[in-house]
PDB file of all heavy atoms in Angstrom:
ATOM      1  N   GLU A   1       4.936  -9.961 -17.066  1.00  0.00           N
ATOM      2  CA  GLU A   1       4.570 -11.252 -16.478  1.00  0.00           C
ATOM      3  C   GLU A   1       5.021 -11.335 -15.017  1.00  0.00           C
ATOM      4  O   GLU A   1       4.276 -11.790 -14.138  1.00  0.00           O
ATOM      5  CB  GLU A   1       5.205 -12.378 -17.293  1.00  0.00           C
ATOM      6  CG  GLU A   1       4.815 -13.775 -16.825  1.00  0.00           C
ATOM      7  CD  GLU A   1       5.452 -14.865 -17.671  1.00  0.00           C
ATOM      8  OE1 GLU A   1       5.936 -14.555 -18.786  1.00  0.00           O
ATOM      9  OE2 GLU A   1       5.472 -16.023 -17.203  1.00  0.00           O
ATOM     10  N   ILE A   2       6.225 -10.882 -14.759  1.00  0.00           N
ATOM     11  CA  ILE A   2       6.751 -10.910 -13.390  1.00  0.00           C
ATOM     12  C   ILE A   2       5.950  -9.985 -12.485  1.00  0.00           C
ATOM     13  O   ILE A   2       5.604 -10.340 -11.351  1.00  0.00           O
ATOM     14  CB  ILE A   2       8.242 -10.525 -13.383  1.00  0.00           C
ATOM     15  CG1 ILE A   2       9.060 -11.594 -14.120  1.00  0.00           C
ATOM     16  CG2 ILE A   2       8.765 -10.369 -11.951  1.00  0.00           C
ATOM     17  CD1 ILE A   2      10.475 -11.177 -14.424  1.00  0.00           C
ATOM     18  N   LEU A   3       5.632  -8.792 -12.988  1.00  0.00           N
ATOM     19  CA  LEU A   3       4.848  -7.849 -12.200  1.00  0.00           C
ATOM     20  C   LEU A   3       3.444  -8.389 -11.934  1.00  0.00           C
ATOM     21  O   LEU A   3       2.891  -8.180 -10.840  1.00  0.00           O
ATOM     22  CB  LEU A   3       4.769  -6.501 -12.915  1.00  0.00           C
ATOM     23  CG  LEU A   3       6.050  -5.664 -12.872  1.00  0.00           C
ATOM     24  CD1 LEU A   3       5.967  -4.499 -13.837  1.00  0.00           C
ATOM     25  CD2 LEU A   3       6.303  -5.153 -11.450  1.00  0.00           C
ATOM     26  N   ARG A   4       2.892  -9.097 -12.906  1.00  0.00           N
ATOM     27  CA  ARG A   4       1.574  -9.700 -12.701  1.00  0.00           C
ATOM     28  C   ARG A   4       1.629 -10.740 -11.580  1.00  0.00           C
ATOM     29  O   ARG A   4       0.763 -10.794 -10.700  1.00  0.00           O
ATOM     30  CB  ARG A   4       1.084 -10.340 -14.005  1.00  0.00           C
ATOM     31  CG  ARG A   4      -0.337 -10.895 -13.918  1.00  0.00           C
ATOM     32  CD  ARG A   4      -0.887 -11.249 -15.295  1.00  0.00           C
ATOM     33  NE  ARG A   4      -0.060 -12.230 -15.970  1.00  0.00           N
ATOM     34  CZ  ARG A   4       0.670 -11.962 -17.058  1.00  0.00           C
ATOM     35  NH1 ARG A   4       0.701 -10.724 -17.558  1.00  0.00           N
ATOM     36  NH2 ARG A   4       1.377 -12.911 -17.644  1.00  0.00           N
ATOM     37  N   ASP A   5       2.691 -11.556 -11.591  1.00  0.00           N
ATOM     38  CA  ASP A   5       2.864 -12.560 -10.532  1.00  0.00           C
ATOM     39  C   ASP A   5       3.066 -11.880  -9.171  1.00  0.00           C
ATOM     40  O   ASP A   5       2.536 -12.338  -8.154  1.00  0.00           O
ATOM     41  CB  ASP A   5       4.069 -13.455 -10.845  1.00  0.00           C
ATOM     42  CG  ASP A   5       3.831 -14.377 -12.041  1.00  0.00           C
ATOM     43  OD1 ASP A   5       2.659 -14.529 -12.436  1.00  0.00           O
ATOM     44  OD2 ASP A   5       4.807 -14.917 -12.578  1.00  0.00           O
ATOM     45  N   ALA A   6       3.831 -10.783  -9.168  1.00  0.00           N
ATOM     46  CA  ALA A   6       4.103 -10.069  -7.919  1.00  0.00           C
ATOM     47  C   ALA A   6       2.810  -9.489  -7.344  1.00  0.00           C
ATOM     48  O   ALA A   6       2.560  -9.575  -6.131  1.00  0.00           O
ATOM     49  CB  ALA A   6       5.125  -8.959  -8.158  1.00  0.00           C
ATOM     50  N   ARG A   7       1.986  -8.929  -8.199  1.00  0.00           N
ATOM     51  CA  ARG A   7       0.739  -8.330  -7.709  1.00  0.00           C
ATOM     52  C   ARG A   7      -0.237  -9.409  -7.241  1.00  0.00           C
ATOM     53  O   ARG A   7      -1.028  -9.186  -6.310  1.00  0.00           O
ATOM     54  CB  ARG A   7       0.115  -7.452  -8.792  1.00  0.00           C
ATOM     55  CG  ARG A   7       0.960  -6.215  -9.093  1.00  0.00           C
ATOM     56  CD  ARG A   7       0.185  -5.160  -9.835  1.00  0.00           C
ATOM     57  NE  ARG A   7       1.019  -3.997 -10.159  1.00  0.00           N
ATOM     58  CZ  ARG A   7       1.315  -3.037  -9.307  1.00  0.00           C
ATOM     59  NH1 ARG A   7       0.877  -3.111  -8.056  1.00  0.00           N
ATOM     60  NH2 ARG A   7       2.066  -2.010  -9.672  1.00  0.00           N
ATOM     61  N   ALA A   8      -0.187 -10.565  -7.883  1.00  0.00           N
ATOM     62  CA  ALA A   8      -1.031 -11.681  -7.424  1.00  0.00           C
ATOM     63  C   ALA A   8      -0.609 -12.116  -6.019  1.00  0.00           C
ATOM     64  O   ALA A   8      -1.452 -12.394  -5.154  1.00  0.00           O
ATOM     65  CB  ALA A   8      -0.927 -12.855  -8.394  1.00  0.00           C
ATOM     66  N   LEU A   9       0.691 -12.152  -5.778  1.00  0.00           N
ATOM     67  CA  LEU A   9       1.196 -12.490  -4.441  1.00  0.00           C
ATOM     68  C   LEU A   9       0.818 -11.409  -3.432  1.00  0.00           C
ATOM     69  O   LEU A   9       0.516 -11.708  -2.276  1.00  0.00           O
ATOM     70  CB  LEU A   9       2.720 -12.657  -4.477  1.00  0.00           C
ATOM     71  CG  LEU A   9       3.245 -13.906  -5.187  1.00  0.00           C
ATOM     72  CD1 LEU A   9       4.759 -13.817  -5.367  1.00  0.00           C
ATOM     73  CD2 LEU A   9       2.886 -15.163  -4.392  1.00  0.00           C
ATOM     74  N   GLN A  10       0.825 -10.147  -3.871  1.00  0.00           N
ATOM     75  CA  GLN A  10       0.397  -9.065  -2.981  1.00  0.00           C
ATOM     76  C   GLN A  10      -1.052  -9.239  -2.562  1.00  0.00           C
ATOM     77  O   GLN A  10      -1.400  -8.978  -1.402  1.00  0.00           O
ATOM     78  CB  GLN A  10       0.564  -7.710  -3.668  1.00  0.00           C
ATOM     79  CG  GLN A  10       1.966  -7.123  -3.582  1.00  0.00           C
ATOM     80  CD  GLN A  10       1.988  -5.678  -4.039  1.00  0.00           C
ATOM     81  OE1 GLN A  10       1.324  -5.298  -4.996  1.00  0.00           O
ATOM     82  NE2 GLN A  10       2.777  -4.858  -3.369  1.00  0.00           N
ATOM     83  N   GLN A  11      -1.898  -9.670  -3.496  1.00  0.00           N
ATOM     84  CA  GLN A  11      -3.304  -9.882  -3.170  1.00  0.00           C
ATOM     85  C   GLN A  11      -3.458 -10.926  -2.070  1.00  0.00           C
ATOM     86  O   GLN A  11      -4.405 -10.873  -1.284  1.00  0.00           O
ATOM     87  CB  GLN A  11      -4.078 -10.330  -4.427  1.00  0.00           C
ATOM     88  CG  GLN A  11      -4.268  -9.253  -5.475  1.00  0.00           C
ATOM     89  CD  GLN A  11      -5.152  -8.120  -4.986  1.00  0.00           C
ATOM     90  OE1 GLN A  11      -6.184  -8.360  -4.351  1.00  0.00           O
ATOM     91  NE2 GLN A  11      -4.774  -6.884  -5.269  1.00  0.00           N
ATOM     92  N   GLU A  12      -2.523 -11.858  -2.011  1.00  0.00           N
ATOM     93  CA  GLU A  12      -2.542 -12.901  -0.983  1.00  0.00           C
ATOM     94  C   GLU A  12      -1.750 -12.488   0.260  1.00  0.00           C
ATOM     95  O   GLU A  12      -1.565 -13.289   1.176  1.00  0.00           O
ATOM     96  CB  GLU A  12      -1.971 -14.201  -1.561  1.00  0.00           C
ATOM     97  CG  GLU A  12      -2.775 -14.754  -2.732  1.00  0.00           C
ATOM     98  CD  GLU A  12      -2.121 -15.989  -3.350  1.00  0.00           C
ATOM     99  OE1 GLU A  12      -1.246 -16.592  -2.700  1.00  0.00           O
ATOM    100  OE2 GLU A  12      -2.496 -16.339  -4.473  1.00  0.00           O
ATOM    101  N   ARG A  13      -1.267 -11.239   0.264  1.00  0.00           N
ATOM    102  CA  ARG A  13      -0.483 -10.701   1.383  1.00  0.00           C
ATOM    103  C   ARG A  13       0.794 -11.503   1.648  1.00  0.00           C
ATOM    104  O   ARG A  13       1.259 -11.604   2.790  1.00  0.00           O
ATOM    105  CB  ARG A  13      -1.336 -10.630   2.659  1.00  0.00           C
ATOM    106  CG  ARG A  13      -2.541  -9.710   2.513  1.00  0.00           C
ATOM    107  CD  ARG A  13      -3.376  -9.669   3.774  1.00  0.00           C
ATOM    108  NE  ARG A  13      -4.515  -8.769   3.619  1.00  0.00           N
ATOM    109  CZ  ARG A  13      -4.480  -7.466   3.870  1.00  0.00           C
ATOM    110  NH1 ARG A  13      -3.371  -6.907   4.302  1.00  0.00           N
ATOM    111  NH2 ARG A  13      -5.556  -6.727   3.704  1.00  0.00           N
ATOM    112  N   LYS A  14       1.371 -12.019   0.596  1.00  0.00           N
ATOM    113  CA  LYS A  14       2.631 -12.749   0.712  1.00  0.00           C
ATOM    114  C   LYS A  14       3.778 -11.774   0.439  1.00  0.00           C
ATOM    115  O   LYS A  14       4.445 -11.809  -0.593  1.00  0.00           O
ATOM    116  CB  LYS A  14       2.658 -13.927  -0.266  1.00  0.00           C
ATOM    117  CG  LYS A  14       1.613 -14.998   0.071  1.00  0.00           C
ATOM    118  CD  LYS A  14       1.685 -16.177  -0.887  1.00  0.00           C
ATOM    119  CE  LYS A  14       0.675 -17.250  -0.496  1.00  0.00           C
ATOM    120  NZ  LYS A  14       0.706 -18.412  -1.436  1.00  0.00           N
ATOM    121  N   TRP A  15       3.975 -10.867   1.406  1.00  0.00           N
ATOM    122  CA  TRP A  15       4.891  -9.749   1.213  1.00  0.00           C
ATOM    123  C   TRP A  15       6.332 -10.191   0.983  1.00  0.00           C
ATOM    124  O   TRP A  15       7.009  -9.670   0.098  1.00  0.00           O
ATOM    125  CB  TRP A  15       4.811  -8.807   2.417  1.00  0.00           C
ATOM    126  CG  TRP A  15       3.426  -8.435   2.822  1.00  0.00           C
ATOM    127  CD1 TRP A  15       2.844  -8.636   4.041  1.00  0.00           C
ATOM    128  CD2 TRP A  15       2.419  -7.800   2.015  1.00  0.00           C
ATOM    129  NE1 TRP A  15       1.546  -8.174   4.052  1.00  0.00           N
ATOM    130  CE2 TRP A  15       1.255  -7.647   2.832  1.00  0.00           C
ATOM    131  CE3 TRP A  15       2.372  -7.348   0.707  1.00  0.00           C
ATOM    132  CZ2 TRP A  15       0.092  -7.065   2.372  1.00  0.00           C
ATOM    133  CZ3 TRP A  15       1.206  -6.767   0.247  1.00  0.00           C
ATOM    134  CH2 TRP A  15       0.089  -6.628   1.063  1.00  0.00           C
ATOM    135  N   LYS A  16       6.810 -11.124   1.778  1.00  0.00           N
ATOM    136  CA  LYS A  16       8.199 -11.550   1.644  1.00  0.00           C
ATOM    137  C   LYS A  16       8.439 -12.281   0.324  1.00  0.00           C
ATOM    138  O   LYS A  16       9.513 -12.180  -0.271  1.00  0.00           O
ATOM    139  CB  LYS A  16       8.598 -12.434   2.820  1.00  0.00           C
ATOM    140  CG  LYS A  16       8.711 -11.663   4.131  1.00  0.00           C
ATOM    141  CD  LYS A  16       9.237 -12.525   5.266  1.00  0.00           C
ATOM    142  CE  LYS A  16       9.402 -11.702   6.529  1.00  0.00           C
ATOM    143  NZ  LYS A  16       9.903 -12.516   7.665  1.00  0.00           N
ATOM    144  N   GLU A  17       7.419 -13.011  -0.123  1.00  0.00           N
ATOM    145  CA  GLU A  17       7.543 -13.696  -1.415  1.00  0.00           C
ATOM    146  C   GLU A  17       7.642 -12.701  -2.562  1.00  0.00           C
ATOM    147  O   GLU A  17       8.408 -12.902  -3.517  1.00  0.00           O
ATOM    148  CB  GLU A  17       6.351 -14.645  -1.629  1.00  0.00           C
ATOM    149  CG  GLU A  17       6.366 -15.893  -0.774  1.00  0.00           C
ATOM    150  CD  GLU A  17       5.737 -15.667   0.602  1.00  0.00           C
ATOM    151  OE1 GLU A  17       5.592 -14.472   1.006  1.00  0.00           O
ATOM    152  OE2 GLU A  17       5.408 -16.653   1.264  1.00  0.00           O
ATOM    153  N   VAL A  18       6.870 -11.618  -2.465  1.00  0.00           N
ATOM    154  CA  VAL A  18       6.952 -10.559  -3.488  1.00  0.00           C
ATOM    155  C   VAL A  18       8.351  -9.959  -3.502  1.00  0.00           C
ATOM    156  O   VAL A  18       8.968  -9.794  -4.564  1.00  0.00           O
ATOM    157  CB  VAL A  18       5.922  -9.450  -3.214  1.00  0.00           C
ATOM    158  CG1 VAL A  18       6.107  -8.295  -4.209  1.00  0.00           C
ATOM    159  CG2 VAL A  18       4.508  -9.988  -3.304  1.00  0.00           C
ATOM    160  N   ALA A  19       8.854  -9.624  -2.317  1.00  0.00           N
ATOM    161  CA  ALA A  19      10.189  -9.026  -2.222  1.00  0.00           C
ATOM    162  C   ALA A  19      11.256  -9.956  -2.782  1.00  0.00           C
ATOM    163  O   ALA A  19      12.160  -9.525  -3.510  1.00  0.00           O
ATOM    164  CB  ALA A  19      10.495  -8.684  -0.762  1.00  0.00           C
ATOM    165  N   SER A  20      11.148 -11.254  -2.479  1.00  0.00           N
ATOM    166  CA  SER A  20      12.129 -12.230  -2.973  1.00  0.00           C
ATOM    167  C   SER A  20      12.046 -12.385  -4.486  1.00  0.00           C
ATOM    168  O   SER A  20      13.073 -12.465  -5.171  1.00  0.00           O
ATOM    169  CB  SER A  20      11.899 -13.589  -2.301  1.00  0.00           C
ATOM    170  OG  SER A  20      12.116 -13.509  -0.914  1.00  0.00           O
ATOM    171  N   LEU A  21      10.816 -12.422  -5.003  1.00  0.00           N
ATOM    172  CA  LEU A  21      10.625 -12.550  -6.451  1.00  0.00           C
ATOM    173  C   LEU A  21      11.284 -11.406  -7.200  1.00  0.00           C
ATOM    174  O   LEU A  21      12.024 -11.623  -8.174  1.00  0.00           O
ATOM    175  CB  LEU A  21       9.126 -12.596  -6.771  1.00  0.00           C
ATOM    176  CG  LEU A  21       8.737 -12.523  -8.258  1.00  0.00           C
ATOM    177  CD1 LEU A  21       9.264 -13.733  -9.010  1.00  0.00           C
ATOM    178  CD2 LEU A  21       7.225 -12.396  -8.418  1.00  0.00           C
ATOM    179  N   LEU A  22      11.063 -10.191  -6.748  1.00  0.00           N
ATOM    180  CA  LEU A  22      11.600  -9.027  -7.451  1.00  0.00           C
ATOM    181  C   LEU A  22      13.091  -8.824  -7.172  1.00  0.00           C
ATOM    182  O   LEU A  22      13.814  -8.309  -8.028  1.00  0.00           O
ATOM    183  CB  LEU A  22      10.802  -7.778  -7.075  1.00  0.00           C
ATOM    184  CG  LEU A  22       9.341  -7.803  -7.560  1.00  0.00           C
ATOM    185  CD1 LEU A  22       8.566  -6.625  -7.029  1.00  0.00           C
ATOM    186  CD2 LEU A  22       9.271  -7.855  -9.086  1.00  0.00           C
ATOM    187  N   ALA A  23      13.554  -9.258  -6.005  1.00  0.00           N
ATOM    188  CA  ALA A  23      14.988  -9.166  -5.710  1.00  0.00           C
ATOM    189  C   ALA A  23      15.803 -10.097  -6.609  1.00  0.00           C
ATOM    190  O   ALA A  23      16.974  -9.836  -6.877  1.00  0.00           O
ATOM    191  CB  ALA A  23      15.244  -9.518  -4.243  1.00  0.00           C
ATOM    192  N   ALA A  24      15.149 -11.155  -7.090  1.00  0.00           N
ATOM    193  CA  ALA A  24      15.847 -12.124  -7.947  1.00  0.00           C
ATOM    194  C   ALA A  24      15.937 -11.669  -9.402  1.00  0.00           C
ATOM    195  O   ALA A  24      16.612 -12.312 -10.214  1.00  0.00           O
ATOM    196  CB  ALA A  24      15.129 -13.473  -7.877  1.00  0.00           C
ATOM    197  N   GLN A  25      15.273 -10.556  -9.739  1.00  0.00           N
ATOM    198  CA  GLN A  25      15.255 -10.085 -11.125  1.00  0.00           C
ATOM    199  C   GLN A  25      16.398  -9.106 -11.376  1.00  0.00           C
ATOM    200  O   GLN A  25      16.826  -8.389 -10.478  1.00  0.00           O
ATOM    201  CB  GLN A  25      13.920  -9.405 -11.439  1.00  0.00           C
ATOM    202  CG  GLN A  25      12.708 -10.221 -11.069  1.00  0.00           C
ATOM    203  CD  GLN A  25      12.697 -11.597 -11.697  1.00  0.00           C
ATOM    204  OE1 GLN A  25      13.015 -11.760 -12.879  1.00  0.00           O
ATOM    205  NE2 GLN A  25      12.330 -12.595 -10.914  1.00  0.00           N
ATOM    206  N   ASN A  26      16.827  -9.076 -12.612  1.00  0.00           N
ATOM    207  CA  ASN A  26      17.821  -8.088 -13.038  1.00  0.00           C
ATOM    208  C   ASN A  26      17.074  -6.829 -13.467  1.00  0.00           C
ATOM    209  O   ASN A  26      16.903  -6.548 -14.654  1.00  0.00           O
ATOM    210  CB  ASN A  26      18.668  -8.650 -14.184  1.00  0.00           C
ATOM    211  CG  ASN A  26      19.725  -7.660 -14.661  1.00  0.00           C
ATOM    212  OD1 ASN A  26      20.077  -6.726 -13.931  1.00  0.00           O
ATOM    213  ND2 ASN A  26      20.210  -7.852 -15.870  1.00  0.00           N
ATOM    214  N   LEU A  27      16.622  -6.066 -12.487  1.00  0.00           N
ATOM    215  CA  LEU A  27      15.777  -4.907 -12.785  1.00  0.00           C
ATOM    216  C   LEU A  27      16.511  -3.833 -13.587  1.00  0.00           C
ATOM    217  O   LEU A  27      15.878  -3.041 -14.288  1.00  0.00           O
ATOM    218  CB  LEU A  27      15.234  -4.305 -11.486  1.00  0.00           C
ATOM    219  CG  LEU A  27      14.321  -5.205 -10.642  1.00  0.00           C
ATOM    220  CD1 LEU A  27      13.821  -4.445  -9.417  1.00  0.00           C
ATOM    221  CD2 LEU A  27      13.153  -5.735 -11.456  1.00  0.00           C
ATOM    222  N   ALA A  28      17.827  -3.819 -13.481  1.00  0.00           N
ATOM    223  CA  ALA A  28      18.602  -2.820 -14.227  1.00  0.00           C
ATOM    224  C   ALA A  28      18.421  -2.976 -15.739  1.00  0.00           C
ATOM    225  O   ALA A  28      18.616  -2.018 -16.490  1.00  0.00           O
ATOM    226  CB  ALA A  28      20.073  -2.915 -13.859  1.00  0.00           C
ATOM    227  N   SER A  29      18.044  -4.189 -16.178  1.00  0.00           N
ATOM    228  CA  SER A  29      17.861  -4.430 -17.612  1.00  0.00           C
ATOM    229  C   SER A  29      16.433  -4.122 -18.075  1.00  0.00           C
ATOM    230  O   SER A  29      16.151  -4.173 -19.268  1.00  0.00           O
ATOM    231  CB  SER A  29      18.184  -5.893 -17.940  1.00  0.00           C
ATOM    232  OG  SER A  29      17.235  -6.771 -17.336  1.00  0.00           O
ATOM    233  N   TRP A  30      15.543  -3.794 -17.156  1.00  0.00           N
ATOM    234  CA  TRP A  30      14.145  -3.516 -17.502  1.00  0.00           C
ATOM    235  C   TRP A  30      14.005  -2.084 -18.024  1.00  0.00           C
ATOM    236  O   TRP A  30      14.793  -1.209 -17.662  1.00  0.00           O
ATOM    237  CB  TRP A  30      13.267  -3.671 -16.271  1.00  0.00           C
ATOM    238  CG  TRP A  30      13.037  -5.079 -15.822  1.00  0.00           C
ATOM    239  CD1 TRP A  30      13.823  -6.166 -16.079  1.00  0.00           C
ATOM    240  CD2 TRP A  30      11.965  -5.551 -15.014  1.00  0.00           C
ATOM    241  NE1 TRP A  30      13.319  -7.273 -15.475  1.00  0.00           N
ATOM    242  CE2 TRP A  30      12.164  -6.936 -14.814  1.00  0.00           C
ATOM    243  CE3 TRP A  30      10.861  -4.941 -14.424  1.00  0.00           C
ATOM    244  CZ2 TRP A  30      11.297  -7.712 -14.050  1.00  0.00           C
ATOM    245  CZ3 TRP A  30       9.987  -5.713 -13.667  1.00  0.00           C
ATOM    246  CH2 TRP A  30      10.196  -7.084 -13.493  1.00  0.00           C
ATOM    247  N   PRO A  31      12.978  -1.837 -18.836  1.00  0.00           N
ATOM    248  CA  PRO A  31      12.666  -0.445 -19.209  1.00  0.00           C
ATOM    249  C   PRO A  31      12.432   0.374 -17.938  1.00  0.00           C
ATOM    250  O   PRO A  31      11.904  -0.145 -16.949  1.00  0.00           O
ATOM    251  CB  PRO A  31      11.377  -0.576 -20.037  1.00  0.00           C
ATOM    252  CG  PRO A  31      11.388  -1.988 -20.539  1.00  0.00           C
ATOM    253  CD  PRO A  31      12.063  -2.806 -19.484  1.00  0.00           C
ATOM    254  N   GLU A  32      12.808   1.644 -17.970  1.00  0.00           N
ATOM    255  CA  GLU A  32      12.793   2.454 -16.752  1.00  0.00           C
ATOM    256  C   GLU A  32      11.425   2.484 -16.077  1.00  0.00           C
ATOM    257  O   GLU A  32      11.329   2.360 -14.849  1.00  0.00           O
ATOM    258  CB  GLU A  32      13.251   3.873 -17.048  1.00  0.00           C
ATOM    259  CG  GLU A  32      13.396   4.721 -15.784  1.00  0.00           C
ATOM    260  CD  GLU A  32      14.024   6.070 -16.038  1.00  0.00           C
ATOM    261  OE1 GLU A  32      15.224   6.102 -16.407  1.00  0.00           O
ATOM    262  OE2 GLU A  32      13.327   7.082 -15.878  1.00  0.00           O
ATOM    263  N   ALA A  33      10.358   2.638 -16.845  1.00  0.00           N
ATOM    264  CA  ALA A  33       9.020   2.723 -16.253  1.00  0.00           C
ATOM    265  C   ALA A  33       8.676   1.433 -15.511  1.00  0.00           C
ATOM    266  O   ALA A  33       8.118   1.472 -14.399  1.00  0.00           O
ATOM    267  CB  ALA A  33       7.978   3.007 -17.336  1.00  0.00           C
TER     268      ALA A  33
END
């Protein structure tokens, strides 16, 4: 769901928003892929 939101923001060229969205996630807890 988060990746879907991030890619939607990429389509709108909202680069900093994408970076902020993913920086706020605990990526270490995600599956490696």
